[in-house]
Amino acid sequence: MRTGRIDPDRTLDLHGHGLDSAWEAIDRALERSIAAGERVLLLITGHERKGDPPLLRGRIRAAVHDWLAVSRHSSRIAAVRAAHRRHGGGGSLYIILRRT
């Protein structure tokens, strides 16, 4: 993971999503990844952007960790890590799922 040589099993790009649709998309992607026995989900949230007002930018990125902690799939998540630059760097996360 650290070297970026492992390819994610599934990628979810949240560009263009609002908070509600992003949460639904994450839930569906986790459900599908778990059902398929996948281990690594690449979640592309986009970089947090500085701007006025700052709360309107980067809201999905700011909420992801809390969402995953309360997700119905939280017991199946082994770790959440920053993605390698090859996979989006600071604008992306790896969600590592537990083995079944």
N, C-alpha and C. Protein backbone atom coordinates (compact mmCIF):
# COMPACT_ATOMS: atom_id res chain seq x y z
N MET A 1 0.82 -1.19 0.00
CA MET A 1 0.00 0.00 0.00
C MET A 1 0.86 1.26 0.00
N ARG A 2 1.83 1.23 0.86
CA ARG A 2 2.67 2.41 1.03
C ARG A 2 3.36 2.81 -0.27
N THR A 3 3.69 1.83 -1.10
CA THR A 3 4.39 2.11 -2.34
C THR A 3 3.44 2.37 -3.51
N GLY A 4 2.15 2.13 -3.32
CA GLY A 4 1.19 2.34 -4.38
C GLY A 4 1.15 1.22 -5.40
N ARG A 5 1.81 0.11 -5.10
CA ARG A 5 1.88 -0.99 -6.07
C ARG A 5 0.65 -1.89 -6.04
N ILE A 6 -0.11 -1.84 -4.96
CA ILE A 6 -1.33 -2.64 -4.89
C ILE A 6 -2.46 -1.85 -5.53
N ASP A 7 -3.16 -2.50 -6.45
CA ASP A 7 -4.30 -1.84 -7.08
C ASP A 7 -5.55 -2.10 -6.26
N PRO A 8 -6.35 -1.09 -6.05
CA PRO A 8 -7.61 -1.28 -5.32
C PRO A 8 -8.53 -2.23 -6.08
N ASP A 9 -9.35 -2.96 -5.34
CA ASP A 9 -10.32 -3.86 -5.95
C ASP A 9 -11.50 -3.09 -6.53
N ARG A 10 -11.81 -1.95 -5.94
CA ARG A 10 -12.95 -1.14 -6.36
C ARG A 10 -12.60 0.32 -6.11
N THR A 11 -13.10 1.21 -6.96
CA THR A 11 -12.88 2.64 -6.80
C THR A 11 -14.22 3.35 -6.79
N LEU A 12 -14.36 4.28 -5.86
CA LEU A 12 -15.56 5.09 -5.77
C LEU A 12 -15.14 6.55 -5.81
N ASP A 13 -15.56 7.27 -6.84
CA ASP A 13 -15.24 8.69 -7.01
C ASP A 13 -16.45 9.51 -6.57
N LEU A 14 -16.26 10.33 -5.55
CA LEU A 14 -17.37 11.11 -4.99
C LEU A 14 -17.45 12.53 -5.53
N HIS A 15 -16.66 12.86 -6.55
CA HIS A 15 -16.76 14.19 -7.15
C HIS A 15 -18.17 14.39 -7.67
N GLY A 16 -18.74 15.55 -7.38
CA GLY A 16 -20.07 15.88 -7.86
C GLY A 16 -21.19 15.43 -6.94
N HIS A 17 -20.85 14.73 -5.86
CA HIS A 17 -21.87 14.28 -4.92
C HIS A 17 -22.08 15.31 -3.82
N GLY A 18 -23.30 15.39 -3.33
CA GLY A 18 -23.59 16.13 -2.11
C GLY A 18 -23.39 15.20 -0.93
N LEU A 19 -23.59 15.70 0.27
CA LEU A 19 -23.37 14.88 1.46
C LEU A 19 -24.26 13.64 1.49
N ASP A 20 -25.53 13.80 1.23
CA ASP A 20 -26.45 12.66 1.29
C ASP A 20 -26.14 11.61 0.23
N SER A 21 -25.93 12.04 -1.00
CA SER A 21 -25.67 11.05 -2.05
C SER A 21 -24.29 10.40 -1.86
N ALA A 22 -23.33 11.13 -1.29
CA ALA A 22 -22.01 10.54 -1.02
C ALA A 22 -22.13 9.43 0.02
N TRP A 23 -22.89 9.68 1.08
CA TRP A 23 -23.08 8.68 2.12
C TRP A 23 -23.73 7.43 1.54
N GLU A 24 -24.75 7.60 0.71
CA GLU A 24 -25.43 6.46 0.09
C GLU A 24 -24.48 5.70 -0.84
N ALA A 25 -23.66 6.42 -1.59
CA ALA A 25 -22.72 5.79 -2.51
C ALA A 25 -21.67 4.99 -1.75
N ILE A 26 -21.19 5.53 -0.63
CA ILE A 26 -20.21 4.81 0.18
C ILE A 26 -20.83 3.53 0.74
N ASP A 27 -22.04 3.64 1.25
CA ASP A 27 -22.72 2.47 1.81
C ASP A 27 -22.89 1.37 0.76
N ARG A 28 -23.34 1.76 -0.44
CA ARG A 28 -23.53 0.78 -1.52
C ARG A 28 -22.20 0.15 -1.94
N ALA A 29 -21.15 0.97 -2.06
CA ALA A 29 -19.84 0.46 -2.48
C ALA A 29 -19.29 -0.51 -1.44
N LEU A 30 -19.45 -0.19 -0.16
CA LEU A 30 -19.00 -1.11 0.88
C LEU A 30 -19.77 -2.42 0.83
N GLU A 31 -21.07 -2.32 0.64
CA GLU A 31 -21.91 -3.52 0.56
C GLU A 31 -21.46 -4.42 -0.59
N ARG A 32 -21.22 -3.82 -1.74
CA ARG A 32 -20.81 -4.59 -2.92
C ARG A 32 -19.41 -5.18 -2.74
N SER A 33 -18.50 -4.39 -2.17
CA SER A 33 -17.14 -4.88 -1.95
C SER A 33 -17.12 -6.05 -0.99
N ILE A 34 -17.88 -5.94 0.08
CA ILE A 34 -17.95 -7.02 1.06
C ILE A 34 -18.55 -8.27 0.43
N ALA A 35 -19.63 -8.12 -0.31
CA ALA A 35 -20.29 -9.27 -0.96
C ALA A 35 -19.36 -9.95 -1.96
N ALA A 36 -18.51 -9.17 -2.62
CA ALA A 36 -17.60 -9.71 -3.62
C ALA A 36 -16.30 -10.24 -3.02
N GLY A 37 -16.11 -10.08 -1.71
CA GLY A 37 -14.89 -10.56 -1.06
C GLY A 37 -13.68 -9.70 -1.35
N GLU A 38 -13.91 -8.45 -1.69
CA GLU A 38 -12.80 -7.54 -2.01
C GLU A 38 -12.15 -7.05 -0.72
N ARG A 39 -10.91 -6.59 -0.84
CA ARG A 39 -10.17 -6.16 0.33
C ARG A 39 -9.90 -4.66 0.37
N VAL A 40 -9.72 -4.02 -0.79
CA VAL A 40 -9.32 -2.61 -0.81
C VAL A 40 -10.26 -1.79 -1.68
N LEU A 41 -10.87 -0.81 -1.06
CA LEU A 41 -11.75 0.14 -1.75
C LEU A 41 -11.04 1.48 -1.76
N LEU A 42 -10.86 2.05 -2.94
CA LEU A 42 -10.28 3.38 -3.07
C LEU A 42 -11.41 4.38 -3.11
N LEU A 43 -11.41 5.29 -2.15
CA LEU A 43 -12.45 6.30 -2.02
C LEU A 43 -11.85 7.65 -2.41
N ILE A 44 -12.32 8.21 -3.52
CA ILE A 44 -11.82 9.50 -4.00
C ILE A 44 -12.78 10.58 -3.51
N THR A 45 -12.30 11.38 -2.57
CA THR A 45 -13.13 12.43 -1.99
C THR A 45 -12.80 13.80 -2.55
N GLY A 46 -11.61 13.96 -3.07
CA GLY A 46 -11.14 15.27 -3.51
C GLY A 46 -10.40 15.95 -2.38
N HIS A 47 -9.54 16.85 -2.74
CA HIS A 47 -8.76 17.58 -1.75
C HIS A 47 -9.62 18.62 -1.06
N GLU A 48 -9.33 18.84 0.21
CA GLU A 48 -9.99 19.93 0.91
C GLU A 48 -9.47 21.23 0.32
N ARG A 49 -10.38 22.09 -0.04
CA ARG A 49 -9.99 23.37 -0.64
C ARG A 49 -10.20 24.49 0.36
N LYS A 50 -9.29 25.39 0.37
CA LYS A 50 -9.43 26.57 1.21
C LYS A 50 -10.32 27.57 0.48
N GLY A 51 -11.16 28.23 1.18
CA GLY A 51 -12.03 29.20 0.52
C GLY A 51 -13.06 29.76 1.48
N ASP A 52 -13.84 30.67 1.01
CA ASP A 52 -14.87 31.32 1.81
C ASP A 52 -16.23 30.78 1.45
N PRO A 53 -17.05 30.43 2.35
CA PRO A 53 -16.68 30.03 3.71
C PRO A 53 -16.07 28.64 3.69
N PRO A 54 -15.12 28.36 4.56
CA PRO A 54 -14.41 27.08 4.49
C PRO A 54 -15.30 25.87 4.74
N LEU A 55 -16.41 26.02 5.43
CA LEU A 55 -17.28 24.88 5.72
C LEU A 55 -17.98 24.35 4.48
N LEU A 56 -18.06 25.14 3.43
CA LEU A 56 -18.72 24.69 2.21
C LEU A 56 -17.81 23.89 1.30
N ARG A 57 -16.56 23.82 1.64
CA ARG A 57 -15.60 23.09 0.81
C ARG A 57 -15.01 21.94 1.60
N GLY A 58 -14.88 20.79 0.99
CA GLY A 58 -14.27 19.64 1.64
C GLY A 58 -15.15 18.98 2.69
N ARG A 59 -16.46 19.15 2.58
CA ARG A 59 -17.36 18.59 3.59
C ARG A 59 -17.40 17.08 3.56
N ILE A 60 -17.35 16.48 2.39
CA ILE A 60 -17.37 15.02 2.29
C ILE A 60 -16.11 14.46 2.95
N ARG A 61 -14.98 15.02 2.58
CA ARG A 61 -13.70 14.56 3.14
C ARG A 61 -13.71 14.65 4.67
N ALA A 62 -14.27 15.74 5.18
CA ALA A 62 -14.31 15.94 6.63
C ALA A 62 -15.23 14.95 7.32
N ALA A 63 -16.26 14.47 6.64
CA ALA A 63 -17.26 13.60 7.26
C ALA A 63 -16.95 12.11 7.12
N VAL A 64 -16.08 11.73 6.21
CA VAL A 64 -15.88 10.32 5.88
C VAL A 64 -15.53 9.46 7.10
N HIS A 65 -14.59 9.88 7.91
CA HIS A 65 -14.17 9.05 9.05
C HIS A 65 -15.32 8.83 10.03
N ASP A 66 -16.11 9.87 10.28
CA ASP A 66 -17.27 9.71 11.17
C ASP A 66 -18.30 8.79 10.54
N TRP A 67 -18.54 8.93 9.24
CA TRP A 67 -19.51 8.07 8.56
C TRP A 67 -19.10 6.61 8.67
N LEU A 68 -17.82 6.34 8.42
CA LEU A 68 -17.35 4.96 8.45
C LEU A 68 -17.44 4.37 9.86
N ALA A 69 -17.22 5.20 10.87
CA ALA A 69 -17.28 4.72 12.26
C ALA A 69 -18.69 4.29 12.65
N VAL A 70 -19.71 4.93 12.08
CA VAL A 70 -21.09 4.59 12.44
C VAL A 70 -21.78 3.77 11.35
N SER A 71 -21.06 3.42 10.33
CA SER A 71 -21.62 2.65 9.23
C SER A 71 -22.09 1.27 9.69
N ARG A 72 -23.09 0.74 9.01
CA ARG A 72 -23.53 -0.63 9.30
C ARG A 72 -22.45 -1.64 8.94
N HIS A 73 -21.44 -1.18 8.20
CA HIS A 73 -20.33 -2.03 7.79
C HIS A 73 -19.08 -1.82 8.64
N SER A 74 -19.17 -1.03 9.69
CA SER A 74 -17.98 -0.66 10.46
C SER A 74 -17.21 -1.87 11.00
N SER A 75 -17.90 -2.93 11.35
CA SER A 75 -17.21 -4.11 11.88
C SER A 75 -16.41 -4.84 10.81
N ARG A 76 -16.68 -4.55 9.55
CA ARG A 76 -15.96 -5.19 8.43
C ARG A 76 -14.79 -4.34 7.94
N ILE A 77 -14.64 -3.12 8.49
CA ILE A 77 -13.55 -2.24 8.08
C ILE A 77 -12.35 -2.45 9.00
N ALA A 78 -11.23 -2.88 8.43
CA ALA A 78 -10.02 -3.12 9.20
C ALA A 78 -9.24 -1.83 9.42
N ALA A 79 -9.20 -0.96 8.40
CA ALA A 79 -8.41 0.27 8.51
C ALA A 79 -8.83 1.25 7.42
N VAL A 80 -8.52 2.50 7.67
CA VAL A 80 -8.69 3.57 6.67
C VAL A 80 -7.34 4.28 6.60
N ARG A 81 -6.78 4.33 5.42
CA ARG A 81 -5.44 4.90 5.25
C ARG A 81 -5.44 5.93 4.12
N ALA A 82 -4.52 6.86 4.22
CA ALA A 82 -4.33 7.83 3.14
C ALA A 82 -3.82 7.08 1.91
N ALA A 83 -4.30 7.47 0.76
CA ALA A 83 -3.91 6.80 -0.49
C ALA A 83 -2.53 7.28 -0.94
N HIS A 84 -1.87 6.42 -1.66
CA HIS A 84 -0.60 6.76 -2.28
C HIS A 84 -0.84 7.82 -3.35
N ARG A 85 0.16 8.59 -3.62
CA ARG A 85 0.06 9.66 -4.63
C ARG A 85 -0.41 9.11 -5.97
N ARG A 86 -0.02 7.90 -6.30
CA ARG A 86 -0.45 7.27 -7.56
C ARG A 86 -1.97 7.10 -7.63
N HIS A 87 -2.61 6.97 -6.47
CA HIS A 87 -4.05 6.77 -6.41
C HIS A 87 -4.81 8.00 -5.92
N GLY A 88 -4.18 9.15 -5.98
CA GLY A 88 -4.88 10.39 -5.62
C GLY A 88 -4.34 11.10 -4.40
N GLY A 89 -3.41 10.48 -3.69
CA GLY A 89 -2.77 11.13 -2.55
C GLY A 89 -3.75 11.67 -1.53
N GLY A 90 -3.59 12.92 -1.16
CA GLY A 90 -4.40 13.55 -0.13
C GLY A 90 -5.87 13.67 -0.45
N GLY A 91 -6.24 13.46 -1.68
CA GLY A 91 -7.65 13.53 -2.06
C GLY A 91 -8.35 12.19 -2.07
N SER A 92 -7.65 11.14 -1.60
CA SER A 92 -8.20 9.79 -1.64
C SER A 92 -7.84 9.02 -0.39
N LEU A 93 -8.64 7.99 -0.13
CA LEU A 93 -8.42 7.12 1.02
C LEU A 93 -8.55 5.66 0.60
N TYR A 94 -7.78 4.79 1.23
CA TYR A 94 -7.99 3.36 1.07
C TYR A 94 -8.85 2.91 2.24
N ILE A 95 -9.90 2.16 1.96
CA ILE A 95 -10.67 1.49 3.00
C ILE A 95 -10.31 0.03 2.88
N ILE A 96 -9.65 -0.49 3.92
CA ILE A 96 -9.21 -1.88 3.91
C ILE A 96 -10.25 -2.70 4.67
N LEU A 97 -10.77 -3.71 4.00
CA LEU A 97 -11.82 -4.54 4.59
C LEU A 97 -11.22 -5.80 5.20
N ARG A 98 -11.84 -6.26 6.26
CA ARG A 98 -11.38 -7.49 6.93
C ARG A 98 -11.62 -8.69 6.03
N ARG A 99 -10.77 -9.67 6.21
CA ARG A 99 -10.96 -10.95 5.50
C ARG A 99 -12.16 -11.67 6.10
N THR A 100 -12.84 -12.42 5.26
CA THR A 100 -14.00 -13.17 5.76
C THR A 100 -13.58 -14.51 6.32
